[in-house]
Amino acid sequence: DLPEDATEQFHRIRAGQASWTDVQAAVAGGWQRRAIRALLDALAARSGESASLLFCWGMAPALGRVEGSSSHEGKAIILILGWGGSTPQQLEPISHWWLGQGYATVLATRSPEEVEEQLAQIDDLIPKDARVLIHAFSNNGMYLLQEISLRKPSYTLAGIIVDSAPDASISAPLLRQVANGCVRALCMQHGVDID
């Protein structure tokens, strides 16, 4: 059963009239599985907004959460920018490797609906004038790197590692494949069967 205060959001989702705030409420309330199923039902009824919300949620399953480790004096901070659909748990092995080398880390997977908030969180976690090495994964990591670059951060960029280099050929079939992959991964993560 849904929490009492979630009924209105659930009905908006099911009707194909949801917003990102409704997705956030589902995650905060612990009813992600029902929200995903409702978004899929709305998508089957041809709700374009539902497709967009599923894709954005699938691109950043943690809804744009940014995490940081403790600081290591004198060394650069490693800013790990995840691939589309990556979770903080999936980025942990990379973070642990860098921590083992004596570096602090900050983890972020770009969420199309949360970019401004993510940039502010990154700025909060990285001290002014720090040296930062960016470890960017795939297209999504590069998109967040571009957003960071446009903002002209207060820290010094010490270098960039491009891991799993992005694909420069953007086509409609590729975008459909990426969107389908993100939605399928989101469903799998929450145990939602796709009919």
N, C-alpha and C. Protein backbone atom coordinates (compact mmCIF):
# COMPACT_ATOMS: atom_id res chain seq x y z
N ASP A 1 0.82 -1.19 0.00
CA ASP A 1 0.00 0.00 0.00
C ASP A 1 0.86 1.25 0.00
N LEU A 2 0.31 2.29 -0.57
CA LEU A 2 1.00 3.58 -0.63
C LEU A 2 0.83 4.34 0.67
N PRO A 3 1.84 5.12 1.03
CA PRO A 3 1.63 6.04 2.16
C PRO A 3 0.48 6.99 1.80
N GLU A 4 -0.24 7.43 2.80
CA GLU A 4 -1.43 8.27 2.58
C GLU A 4 -1.11 9.53 1.77
N ASP A 5 0.03 10.16 2.06
CA ASP A 5 0.37 11.40 1.37
C ASP A 5 0.88 11.18 -0.06
N ALA A 6 1.02 9.93 -0.50
CA ALA A 6 1.55 9.64 -1.83
C ALA A 6 0.46 9.40 -2.87
N THR A 7 -0.76 9.30 -2.46
CA THR A 7 -1.85 8.95 -3.37
C THR A 7 -1.97 9.92 -4.54
N GLU A 8 -1.90 11.21 -4.24
CA GLU A 8 -2.04 12.23 -5.30
C GLU A 8 -0.90 12.11 -6.32
N GLN A 9 0.33 11.95 -5.81
CA GLN A 9 1.47 11.82 -6.73
C GLN A 9 1.33 10.56 -7.59
N PHE A 10 0.92 9.45 -6.97
CA PHE A 10 0.76 8.21 -7.70
C PHE A 10 -0.27 8.35 -8.82
N HIS A 11 -1.38 9.01 -8.55
CA HIS A 11 -2.41 9.20 -9.57
C HIS A 11 -1.90 10.07 -10.72
N ARG A 12 -1.10 11.09 -10.40
CA ARG A 12 -0.51 11.93 -11.46
C ARG A 12 0.43 11.09 -12.33
N ILE A 13 1.24 10.25 -11.68
CA ILE A 13 2.17 9.40 -12.43
C ILE A 13 1.39 8.48 -13.35
N ARG A 14 0.40 7.80 -12.80
CA ARG A 14 -0.38 6.83 -13.58
C ARG A 14 -1.13 7.50 -14.73
N ALA A 15 -1.55 8.75 -14.54
CA ALA A 15 -2.28 9.47 -15.58
C ALA A 15 -1.36 10.09 -16.64
N GLY A 16 -0.05 9.93 -16.46
CA GLY A 16 0.88 10.51 -17.42
C GLY A 16 1.07 12.00 -17.24
N GLN A 17 0.78 12.52 -16.05
CA GLN A 17 0.89 13.95 -15.76
C GLN A 17 1.91 14.22 -14.67
N ALA A 18 2.85 13.32 -14.51
CA ALA A 18 3.83 13.42 -13.43
C ALA A 18 4.91 14.46 -13.74
N SER A 19 5.58 14.87 -12.67
CA SER A 19 6.73 15.76 -12.79
C SER A 19 7.90 15.10 -12.07
N TRP A 20 9.05 15.70 -12.19
CA TRP A 20 10.24 15.18 -11.51
C TRP A 20 10.02 15.17 -10.00
N THR A 21 9.27 16.12 -9.48
CA THR A 21 8.96 16.17 -8.06
C THR A 21 8.21 14.92 -7.62
N ASP A 22 7.34 14.39 -8.47
CA ASP A 22 6.61 13.16 -8.15
C ASP A 22 7.57 11.97 -8.09
N VAL A 23 8.54 11.92 -8.99
CA VAL A 23 9.55 10.85 -8.96
C VAL A 23 10.35 10.95 -7.66
N GLN A 24 10.76 12.16 -7.30
CA GLN A 24 11.51 12.35 -6.06
C GLN A 24 10.69 11.89 -4.85
N ALA A 25 9.40 12.18 -4.86
CA ALA A 25 8.53 11.77 -3.76
C ALA A 25 8.44 10.25 -3.68
N ALA A 26 8.38 9.58 -4.82
CA ALA A 26 8.33 8.11 -4.84
C ALA A 26 9.60 7.52 -4.22
N VAL A 27 10.73 8.07 -4.58
CA VAL A 27 12.00 7.58 -4.04
C VAL A 27 12.08 7.86 -2.53
N ALA A 28 11.74 9.07 -2.15
CA ALA A 28 11.79 9.44 -0.73
C ALA A 28 10.81 8.60 0.09
N GLY A 29 9.67 8.25 -0.50
CA GLY A 29 8.65 7.49 0.22
C GLY A 29 8.83 5.99 0.16
N GLY A 30 9.81 5.53 -0.63
CA GLY A 30 10.07 4.10 -0.71
C GLY A 30 9.12 3.32 -1.60
N TRP A 31 8.41 3.99 -2.51
CA TRP A 31 7.49 3.29 -3.40
C TRP A 31 7.94 3.41 -4.86
N GLN A 32 9.25 3.26 -5.06
CA GLN A 32 9.83 3.34 -6.40
C GLN A 32 9.23 2.32 -7.36
N ARG A 33 9.10 1.09 -6.90
CA ARG A 33 8.61 0.01 -7.77
C ARG A 33 7.23 0.34 -8.32
N ARG A 34 6.34 0.81 -7.48
CA ARG A 34 4.98 1.17 -7.94
C ARG A 34 5.03 2.36 -8.89
N ALA A 35 5.92 3.32 -8.60
CA ALA A 35 6.05 4.50 -9.47
C ALA A 35 6.58 4.09 -10.85
N ILE A 36 7.55 3.20 -10.88
CA ILE A 36 8.09 2.75 -12.18
C ILE A 36 7.02 2.03 -12.97
N ARG A 37 6.28 1.14 -12.31
CA ARG A 37 5.20 0.42 -12.99
C ARG A 37 4.16 1.41 -13.53
N ALA A 38 3.79 2.43 -12.73
CA ALA A 38 2.82 3.44 -13.17
C ALA A 38 3.37 4.25 -14.35
N LEU A 39 4.65 4.59 -14.32
CA LEU A 39 5.25 5.31 -15.44
C LEU A 39 5.25 4.45 -16.70
N LEU A 40 5.53 3.16 -16.55
CA LEU A 40 5.50 2.25 -17.71
C LEU A 40 4.08 2.15 -18.27
N ASP A 41 3.08 2.07 -17.39
CA ASP A 41 1.68 2.04 -17.85
C ASP A 41 1.33 3.33 -18.59
N ALA A 42 1.76 4.46 -18.06
CA ALA A 42 1.49 5.74 -18.73
C ALA A 42 2.22 5.81 -20.06
N LEU A 43 3.43 5.26 -20.10
CA LEU A 43 4.19 5.23 -21.35
C LEU A 43 3.45 4.38 -22.39
N ALA A 44 2.90 3.25 -21.97
CA ALA A 44 2.13 2.40 -22.89
C ALA A 44 0.91 3.13 -23.43
N ALA A 45 0.41 4.09 -22.64
CA ALA A 45 -0.73 4.90 -23.07
C ALA A 45 -0.27 6.13 -23.86
N ARG A 46 1.02 6.14 -24.22
CA ARG A 46 1.63 7.18 -25.07
C ARG A 46 1.87 8.50 -24.35
N SER A 47 2.24 8.47 -23.11
CA SER A 47 2.60 9.69 -22.38
C SER A 47 4.08 9.99 -22.62
N GLY A 48 4.35 11.03 -23.39
CA GLY A 48 5.72 11.43 -23.66
C GLY A 48 6.46 11.87 -22.41
N GLU A 49 5.74 12.50 -21.48
CA GLU A 49 6.36 12.94 -20.23
C GLU A 49 6.83 11.75 -19.42
N SER A 50 6.08 10.66 -19.45
CA SER A 50 6.48 9.45 -18.73
C SER A 50 7.77 8.89 -19.31
N ALA A 51 7.90 8.92 -20.63
CA ALA A 51 9.14 8.45 -21.27
C ALA A 51 10.32 9.29 -20.81
N SER A 52 10.14 10.58 -20.77
CA SER A 52 11.21 11.48 -20.33
C SER A 52 11.60 11.23 -18.88
N LEU A 53 10.60 11.06 -18.01
CA LEU A 53 10.88 10.81 -16.60
C LEU A 53 11.59 9.48 -16.39
N LEU A 54 11.15 8.44 -17.09
CA LEU A 54 11.81 7.13 -16.98
C LEU A 54 13.26 7.23 -17.45
N PHE A 55 13.49 7.92 -18.55
CA PHE A 55 14.84 8.07 -19.07
C PHE A 55 15.72 8.83 -18.08
N CYS A 56 15.23 9.96 -17.58
CA CYS A 56 16.02 10.76 -16.63
C CYS A 56 16.32 9.98 -15.36
N TRP A 57 15.34 9.25 -14.86
CA TRP A 57 15.52 8.44 -13.66
C TRP A 57 16.51 7.31 -13.95
N GLY A 58 16.38 6.69 -15.11
CA GLY A 58 17.29 5.62 -15.50
C GLY A 58 18.72 6.10 -15.69
N MET A 59 18.89 7.34 -16.16
CA MET A 59 20.23 7.90 -16.35
C MET A 59 20.95 8.11 -15.02
N ALA A 60 20.21 8.40 -13.98
CA ALA A 60 20.81 8.66 -12.66
C ALA A 60 19.90 8.06 -11.59
N PRO A 61 20.00 6.73 -11.38
CA PRO A 61 19.09 6.07 -10.45
C PRO A 61 19.11 6.64 -9.03
N ALA A 62 20.22 7.26 -8.63
CA ALA A 62 20.29 7.86 -7.29
C ALA A 62 19.79 9.30 -7.31
N LEU A 63 19.12 9.70 -8.39
CA LEU A 63 18.52 11.03 -8.55
C LEU A 63 19.54 12.16 -8.39
N GLY A 64 20.74 11.94 -8.90
CA GLY A 64 21.72 13.01 -8.90
C GLY A 64 22.49 13.18 -7.60
N ARG A 65 22.42 12.19 -6.72
CA ARG A 65 23.15 12.29 -5.46
C ARG A 65 24.64 12.43 -5.74
N VAL A 66 25.28 13.31 -4.99
CA VAL A 66 26.73 13.53 -5.08
C VAL A 66 27.31 13.12 -3.74
N GLU A 67 28.36 12.29 -3.76
CA GLU A 67 28.98 11.81 -2.53
C GLU A 67 30.46 12.16 -2.52
N GLY A 68 30.99 12.43 -1.33
CA GLY A 68 32.41 12.75 -1.21
C GLY A 68 33.05 12.00 -0.06
N SER A 69 34.35 11.70 -0.23
CA SER A 69 35.11 11.06 0.84
C SER A 69 35.87 12.14 1.61
N SER A 70 36.53 11.72 2.68
CA SER A 70 37.30 12.68 3.47
C SER A 70 38.49 13.21 2.68
N SER A 71 38.92 14.38 3.03
CA SER A 71 40.00 15.07 2.32
C SER A 71 41.36 14.50 2.68
N HIS A 72 42.25 14.47 1.71
CA HIS A 72 43.64 14.09 1.92
C HIS A 72 44.50 15.29 1.58
N GLU A 73 45.10 15.89 2.59
CA GLU A 73 45.89 17.11 2.41
C GLU A 73 47.00 16.92 1.37
N GLY A 74 47.16 17.92 0.52
CA GLY A 74 48.28 17.96 -0.40
C GLY A 74 48.09 17.21 -1.69
N LYS A 75 47.10 16.35 -1.79
CA LYS A 75 46.88 15.61 -3.03
C LYS A 75 45.66 16.16 -3.74
N ALA A 76 45.61 15.89 -5.03
CA ALA A 76 44.44 16.29 -5.81
C ALA A 76 43.22 15.52 -5.34
N ILE A 77 42.06 16.07 -5.59
CA ILE A 77 40.79 15.39 -5.35
C ILE A 77 40.36 14.78 -6.67
N ILE A 78 39.88 13.55 -6.62
CA ILE A 78 39.43 12.87 -7.83
C ILE A 78 37.92 13.03 -7.93
N LEU A 79 37.45 13.66 -8.98
CA LEU A 79 36.03 13.84 -9.25
C LEU A 79 35.63 12.78 -10.27
N ILE A 80 34.88 11.77 -9.80
CA ILE A 80 34.47 10.65 -10.64
C ILE A 80 33.08 10.94 -11.19
N LEU A 81 32.99 11.04 -12.52
CA LEU A 81 31.73 11.36 -13.21
C LEU A 81 31.22 10.09 -13.88
N GLY A 82 30.13 9.53 -13.36
CA GLY A 82 29.64 8.23 -13.79
C GLY A 82 28.98 8.20 -15.14
N TRP A 83 28.92 7.01 -15.69
CA TRP A 83 28.24 6.75 -16.96
C TRP A 83 26.74 6.78 -16.74
N GLY A 84 25.99 6.91 -17.82
CA GLY A 84 24.54 6.94 -17.71
C GLY A 84 24.00 5.67 -17.08
N GLY A 85 23.23 5.83 -16.03
CA GLY A 85 22.64 4.70 -15.33
C GLY A 85 23.48 4.18 -14.18
N SER A 86 24.66 4.75 -13.96
CA SER A 86 25.51 4.24 -12.87
C SER A 86 25.01 4.73 -11.52
N THR A 87 25.18 3.87 -10.54
CA THR A 87 24.79 4.17 -9.17
C THR A 87 26.05 4.44 -8.35
N PRO A 88 25.90 5.07 -7.19
CA PRO A 88 27.08 5.25 -6.33
C PRO A 88 27.75 3.91 -6.00
N GLN A 89 26.96 2.85 -5.83
CA GLN A 89 27.52 1.53 -5.53
C GLN A 89 28.40 1.03 -6.68
N GLN A 90 27.99 1.30 -7.91
CA GLN A 90 28.79 0.87 -9.06
C GLN A 90 30.07 1.68 -9.20
N LEU A 91 30.07 2.91 -8.70
CA LEU A 91 31.27 3.75 -8.77
C LEU A 91 32.21 3.51 -7.59
N GLU A 92 31.73 2.81 -6.56
CA GLU A 92 32.53 2.57 -5.36
C GLU A 92 33.88 1.89 -5.64
N PRO A 93 33.95 0.85 -6.48
CA PRO A 93 35.27 0.23 -6.72
C PRO A 93 36.29 1.22 -7.29
N ILE A 94 35.84 2.11 -8.14
CA ILE A 94 36.74 3.12 -8.70
C ILE A 94 37.16 4.08 -7.60
N SER A 95 36.21 4.49 -6.79
CA SER A 95 36.50 5.37 -5.67
C SER A 95 37.49 4.71 -4.70
N HIS A 96 37.26 3.44 -4.37
CA HIS A 96 38.15 2.73 -3.45
C HIS A 96 39.57 2.64 -4.00
N TRP A 97 39.69 2.44 -5.30
CA TRP A 97 41.03 2.39 -5.90
C TRP A 97 41.74 3.73 -5.69
N TRP A 98 41.05 4.82 -5.99
CA TRP A 98 41.66 6.14 -5.82
C TRP A 98 41.96 6.41 -4.34
N LEU A 99 41.05 6.03 -3.45
CA LEU A 99 41.29 6.21 -2.02
C LEU A 99 42.54 5.45 -1.59
N GLY A 100 42.71 4.25 -2.15
CA GLY A 100 43.90 3.44 -1.86
C GLY A 100 45.20 4.09 -2.32
N GLN A 101 45.09 4.97 -3.29
CA GLN A 101 46.26 5.70 -3.78
C GLN A 101 46.50 6.97 -2.96
N GLY A 102 45.61 7.24 -2.00
CA GLY A 102 45.77 8.40 -1.11
C GLY A 102 45.01 9.65 -1.53
N TYR A 103 44.05 9.51 -2.43
CA TYR A 103 43.28 10.66 -2.90
C TYR A 103 41.88 10.66 -2.31
N ALA A 104 41.34 11.84 -2.08
CA ALA A 104 39.92 11.98 -1.74
C ALA A 104 39.13 11.88 -3.04
N THR A 105 37.86 11.46 -2.93
CA THR A 105 37.04 11.34 -4.13
C THR A 105 35.69 12.02 -3.94
N VAL A 106 35.13 12.44 -5.06
CA VAL A 106 33.76 12.93 -5.14
C VAL A 106 33.11 12.17 -6.29
N LEU A 107 31.93 11.59 -6.04
CA LEU A 107 31.22 10.78 -7.04
C LEU A 107 29.95 11.48 -7.48
N ALA A 108 29.70 11.50 -8.79
CA ALA A 108 28.46 12.07 -9.31
C ALA A 108 28.11 11.41 -10.63
N THR A 109 26.84 11.10 -10.81
CA THR A 109 26.32 10.65 -12.10
C THR A 109 25.30 11.69 -12.54
N ARG A 110 25.54 12.28 -13.69
CA ARG A 110 24.69 13.38 -14.17
C ARG A 110 23.24 12.96 -14.26
N SER A 111 22.40 13.76 -13.62
CA SER A 111 20.96 13.59 -13.72
C SER A 111 20.42 14.78 -14.51
N PRO A 112 19.80 14.53 -15.66
CA PRO A 112 19.31 15.65 -16.47
C PRO A 112 18.42 16.62 -15.71
N GLU A 113 17.70 16.13 -14.70
CA GLU A 113 16.78 16.98 -13.94
C GLU A 113 17.42 17.64 -12.72
N GLU A 114 18.66 17.29 -12.42
CA GLU A 114 19.29 17.75 -11.18
C GLU A 114 20.64 18.44 -11.40
N VAL A 115 20.97 18.82 -12.62
CA VAL A 115 22.32 19.31 -12.93
C VAL A 115 22.73 20.50 -12.06
N GLU A 116 21.88 21.49 -11.94
CA GLU A 116 22.26 22.68 -11.15
C GLU A 116 22.53 22.32 -9.69
N GLU A 117 21.67 21.47 -9.13
CA GLU A 117 21.87 21.05 -7.74
C GLU A 117 23.15 20.24 -7.61
N GLN A 118 23.43 19.39 -8.60
CA GLN A 118 24.65 18.60 -8.57
C GLN A 118 25.89 19.48 -8.62
N LEU A 119 25.87 20.47 -9.49
CA LEU A 119 27.03 21.37 -9.59
C LEU A 119 27.26 22.11 -8.27
N ALA A 120 26.18 22.51 -7.62
CA ALA A 120 26.31 23.19 -6.33
C ALA A 120 26.87 22.24 -5.28
N GLN A 121 26.42 20.98 -5.28
CA GLN A 121 26.94 20.00 -4.32
C GLN A 121 28.43 19.72 -4.56
N ILE A 122 28.80 19.61 -5.83
CA ILE A 122 30.21 19.39 -6.16
C ILE A 122 31.04 20.57 -5.65
N ASP A 123 30.57 21.78 -5.90
CA ASP A 123 31.27 22.98 -5.41
C ASP A 123 31.40 22.97 -3.89
N ASP A 124 30.36 22.51 -3.20
CA ASP A 124 30.40 22.45 -1.74
C ASP A 124 31.42 21.43 -1.23
N LEU A 125 31.59 20.33 -1.97
CA LEU A 125 32.48 19.25 -1.52
C LEU A 125 33.95 19.47 -1.88
N ILE A 126 34.20 20.32 -2.87
CA ILE A 126 35.59 20.55 -3.30
C ILE A 126 36.03 21.93 -2.83
N PRO A 127 37.07 21.98 -1.99
CA PRO A 127 37.52 23.27 -1.48
C PRO A 127 38.00 24.20 -2.60
N LYS A 128 37.82 25.48 -2.38
CA LYS A 128 38.30 26.48 -3.33
C LYS A 128 39.80 26.31 -3.49
N ASP A 129 40.29 26.46 -4.69
CA ASP A 129 41.71 26.36 -5.04
C ASP A 129 42.27 24.94 -4.92
N ALA A 130 41.43 23.91 -4.73
CA ALA A 130 41.91 22.54 -4.71
C ALA A 130 42.34 22.14 -6.13
N ARG A 131 43.22 21.18 -6.21
CA ARG A 131 43.59 20.58 -7.50
C ARG A 131 42.67 19.38 -7.71
N VAL A 132 42.04 19.31 -8.88
CA VAL A 132 41.05 18.27 -9.15
C VAL A 132 41.43 17.53 -10.43
N LEU A 133 41.42 16.21 -10.31
CA LEU A 133 41.59 15.33 -11.47
C LEU A 133 40.21 14.73 -11.74
N ILE A 134 39.72 14.88 -12.95
CA ILE A 134 38.40 14.37 -13.30
C ILE A 134 38.56 13.03 -14.00
N HIS A 135 37.83 12.04 -13.50
CA HIS A 135 37.78 10.70 -14.09
C HIS A 135 36.37 10.54 -14.65
N ALA A 136 36.21 10.78 -15.95
CA ALA A 136 34.88 10.81 -16.59
C ALA A 136 34.63 9.53 -17.37
N PHE A 137 33.44 8.97 -17.17
CA PHE A 137 33.05 7.74 -17.84
C PHE A 137 32.00 8.02 -18.91
N SER A 138 32.28 7.59 -20.12
CA SER A 138 31.33 7.54 -21.22
C SER A 138 30.68 8.90 -21.51
N ASN A 139 29.61 8.87 -22.29
CA ASN A 139 28.95 10.12 -22.69
C ASN A 139 28.44 10.91 -21.50
N ASN A 140 27.78 10.23 -20.55
CA ASN A 140 27.18 10.94 -19.42
C ASN A 140 28.23 11.65 -18.58
N GLY A 141 29.37 11.02 -18.37
CA GLY A 141 30.45 11.67 -17.64
C GLY A 141 30.96 12.90 -18.37
N MET A 142 31.04 12.79 -19.68
CA MET A 142 31.50 13.93 -20.48
C MET A 142 30.47 15.06 -20.49
N TYR A 143 29.18 14.71 -20.46
CA TYR A 143 28.15 15.76 -20.39
C TYR A 143 28.27 16.55 -19.10
N LEU A 144 28.51 15.86 -17.98
CA LEU A 144 28.67 16.56 -16.71
C LEU A 144 29.97 17.36 -16.70
N LEU A 145 31.01 16.83 -17.30
CA LEU A 145 32.27 17.58 -17.42
C LEU A 145 32.04 18.88 -18.19
N GLN A 146 31.25 18.82 -19.25
CA GLN A 146 30.94 20.03 -20.02
C GLN A 146 30.19 21.04 -19.14
N GLU A 147 29.22 20.57 -18.36
CA GLU A 147 28.48 21.47 -17.47
C GLU A 147 29.42 22.12 -16.46
N ILE A 148 30.35 21.34 -15.92
CA ILE A 148 31.33 21.86 -14.96
C ILE A 148 32.21 22.92 -15.64
N SER A 149 32.67 22.62 -16.84
CA SER A 149 33.56 23.54 -17.57
C SER A 149 32.87 24.87 -17.87
N LEU A 150 31.60 24.82 -18.23
CA LEU A 150 30.86 26.04 -18.54
C LEU A 150 30.67 26.92 -17.32
N ARG A 151 30.70 26.31 -16.15
CA ARG A 151 30.49 27.04 -14.89
C ARG A 151 31.76 27.72 -14.38
N LYS A 152 32.91 27.36 -14.92
CA LYS A 152 34.20 27.91 -14.49
C LYS A 152 34.39 27.73 -12.99
N PRO A 153 34.67 26.50 -12.56
CA PRO A 153 34.79 26.21 -11.13
C PRO A 153 35.94 26.96 -10.46
N SER A 154 35.87 27.05 -9.14
CA SER A 154 36.90 27.76 -8.37
C SER A 154 38.12 26.89 -8.10
N TYR A 155 38.06 25.64 -8.45
CA TYR A 155 39.20 24.76 -8.25
C TYR A 155 40.02 24.66 -9.54
N THR A 156 41.24 24.14 -9.40
CA THR A 156 42.16 24.01 -10.53
C THR A 156 42.03 22.61 -11.13
N LEU A 157 41.84 22.55 -12.42
CA LEU A 157 41.75 21.27 -13.10
C LEU A 157 43.16 20.75 -13.33
N ALA A 158 43.49 19.63 -12.67
CA ALA A 158 44.83 19.05 -12.76
C ALA A 158 44.95 18.07 -13.92
N GLY A 159 43.82 17.57 -14.41
CA GLY A 159 43.84 16.62 -15.52
C GLY A 159 42.49 15.97 -15.70
N ILE A 160 42.37 15.25 -16.82
CA ILE A 160 41.12 14.55 -17.15
C ILE A 160 41.47 13.15 -17.63
N ILE A 161 40.79 12.17 -17.07
CA ILE A 161 40.87 10.80 -17.56
C ILE A 161 39.54 10.51 -18.23
N VAL A 162 39.58 10.14 -19.51
CA VAL A 162 38.37 9.77 -20.24
C VAL A 162 38.36 8.25 -20.29
N ASP A 163 37.45 7.65 -19.55
CA ASP A 163 37.35 6.21 -19.41
C ASP A 163 36.12 5.75 -20.19
N SER A 164 36.26 4.74 -21.01
CA SER A 164 35.15 4.28 -21.84
C SER A 164 34.68 5.45 -22.70
N ALA A 165 35.56 5.89 -23.56
CA ALA A 165 35.37 7.10 -24.36
C ALA A 165 33.99 7.16 -25.00
N PRO A 166 33.41 8.36 -25.02
CA PRO A 166 32.07 8.52 -25.58
C PRO A 166 32.03 8.24 -27.07
N ASP A 167 30.85 7.93 -27.53
CA ASP A 167 30.61 7.70 -28.94
C ASP A 167 30.18 9.01 -29.58
N ALA A 168 30.93 9.47 -30.55
CA ALA A 168 30.63 10.75 -31.19
C ALA A 168 29.48 10.65 -32.19
N SER A 169 29.12 9.45 -32.59
CA SER A 169 28.06 9.31 -33.59
C SER A 169 26.71 9.20 -32.89
N ILE A 170 25.98 10.29 -32.91
CA ILE A 170 24.65 10.31 -32.30
C ILE A 170 23.63 10.10 -33.40
N SER A 171 22.77 9.12 -33.21
CA SER A 171 21.72 8.84 -34.18
C SER A 171 20.45 8.47 -33.41
N ALA A 172 19.34 8.53 -34.09
CA ALA A 172 18.07 8.18 -33.44
C ALA A 172 18.08 6.73 -32.93
N PRO A 173 18.57 5.75 -33.71
CA PRO A 173 18.61 4.38 -33.18
C PRO A 173 19.51 4.25 -31.94
N LEU A 174 20.63 4.96 -31.94
CA LEU A 174 21.52 4.90 -30.78
C LEU A 174 20.84 5.50 -29.55
N LEU A 175 20.18 6.63 -29.72
CA LEU A 175 19.49 7.26 -28.59
C LEU A 175 18.37 6.37 -28.05
N ARG A 176 17.64 5.70 -28.94
CA ARG A 176 16.60 4.77 -28.50
C ARG A 176 17.23 3.61 -27.72
N GLN A 177 18.36 3.12 -28.20
CA GLN A 177 19.06 2.02 -27.53
C GLN A 177 19.52 2.44 -26.13
N VAL A 178 20.07 3.65 -26.03
CA VAL A 178 20.51 4.16 -24.72
C VAL A 178 19.32 4.33 -23.79
N ALA A 179 18.25 4.95 -24.30
CA ALA A 179 17.06 5.16 -23.46
C ALA A 179 16.48 3.82 -22.99
N ASN A 180 16.37 2.86 -23.91
CA ASN A 180 15.85 1.54 -23.53
C ASN A 180 16.74 0.88 -22.49
N GLY A 181 18.04 0.99 -22.65
CA GLY A 181 18.98 0.41 -21.70
C GLY A 181 18.85 1.02 -20.32
N CYS A 182 18.70 2.34 -20.26
CA CYS A 182 18.55 3.03 -18.97
C CYS A 182 17.26 2.61 -18.27
N VAL A 183 16.17 2.53 -19.03
CA VAL A 183 14.88 2.16 -18.44
C VAL A 183 14.92 0.69 -17.99
N ARG A 184 15.50 -0.18 -18.81
CA ARG A 184 15.60 -1.60 -18.42
C ARG A 184 16.44 -1.78 -17.16
N ALA A 185 17.55 -1.04 -17.07
CA ALA A 185 18.40 -1.13 -15.88
C ALA A 185 17.66 -0.63 -14.65
N LEU A 186 16.91 0.46 -14.78
CA LEU A 186 16.13 0.98 -13.67
C LEU A 186 15.10 -0.07 -13.21
N CYS A 187 14.41 -0.68 -14.17
CA CYS A 187 13.43 -1.71 -13.84
C CYS A 187 14.10 -2.90 -13.15
N MET A 188 15.22 -3.33 -13.66
CA MET A 188 15.92 -4.47 -13.07
C MET A 188 16.37 -4.15 -11.64
N GLN A 189 16.88 -2.94 -11.45
CA GLN A 189 17.35 -2.53 -10.12
C GLN A 189 16.23 -2.58 -9.08
N HIS A 190 15.00 -2.30 -9.51
CA HIS A 190 13.87 -2.25 -8.58
C HIS A 190 12.95 -3.46 -8.70
N GLY A 191 13.37 -4.48 -9.45
CA GLY A 191 12.58 -5.70 -9.54
C GLY A 191 11.26 -5.55 -10.26
N VAL A 192 11.23 -4.66 -11.27
CA VAL A 192 10.00 -4.45 -12.04
C VAL A 192 10.15 -5.20 -13.36
N ASP A 193 9.23 -6.16 -13.59
CA ASP A 193 9.23 -6.91 -14.85
C ASP A 193 8.70 -6.05 -15.96
N ILE A 194 9.34 -6.15 -17.12
CA ILE A 194 8.85 -5.43 -18.30
C ILE A 194 8.10 -6.43 -19.14
N ASP A 195 6.81 -6.14 -19.35
CA ASP A 195 5.95 -7.07 -20.13
C ASP A 195 6.35 -7.10 -21.57
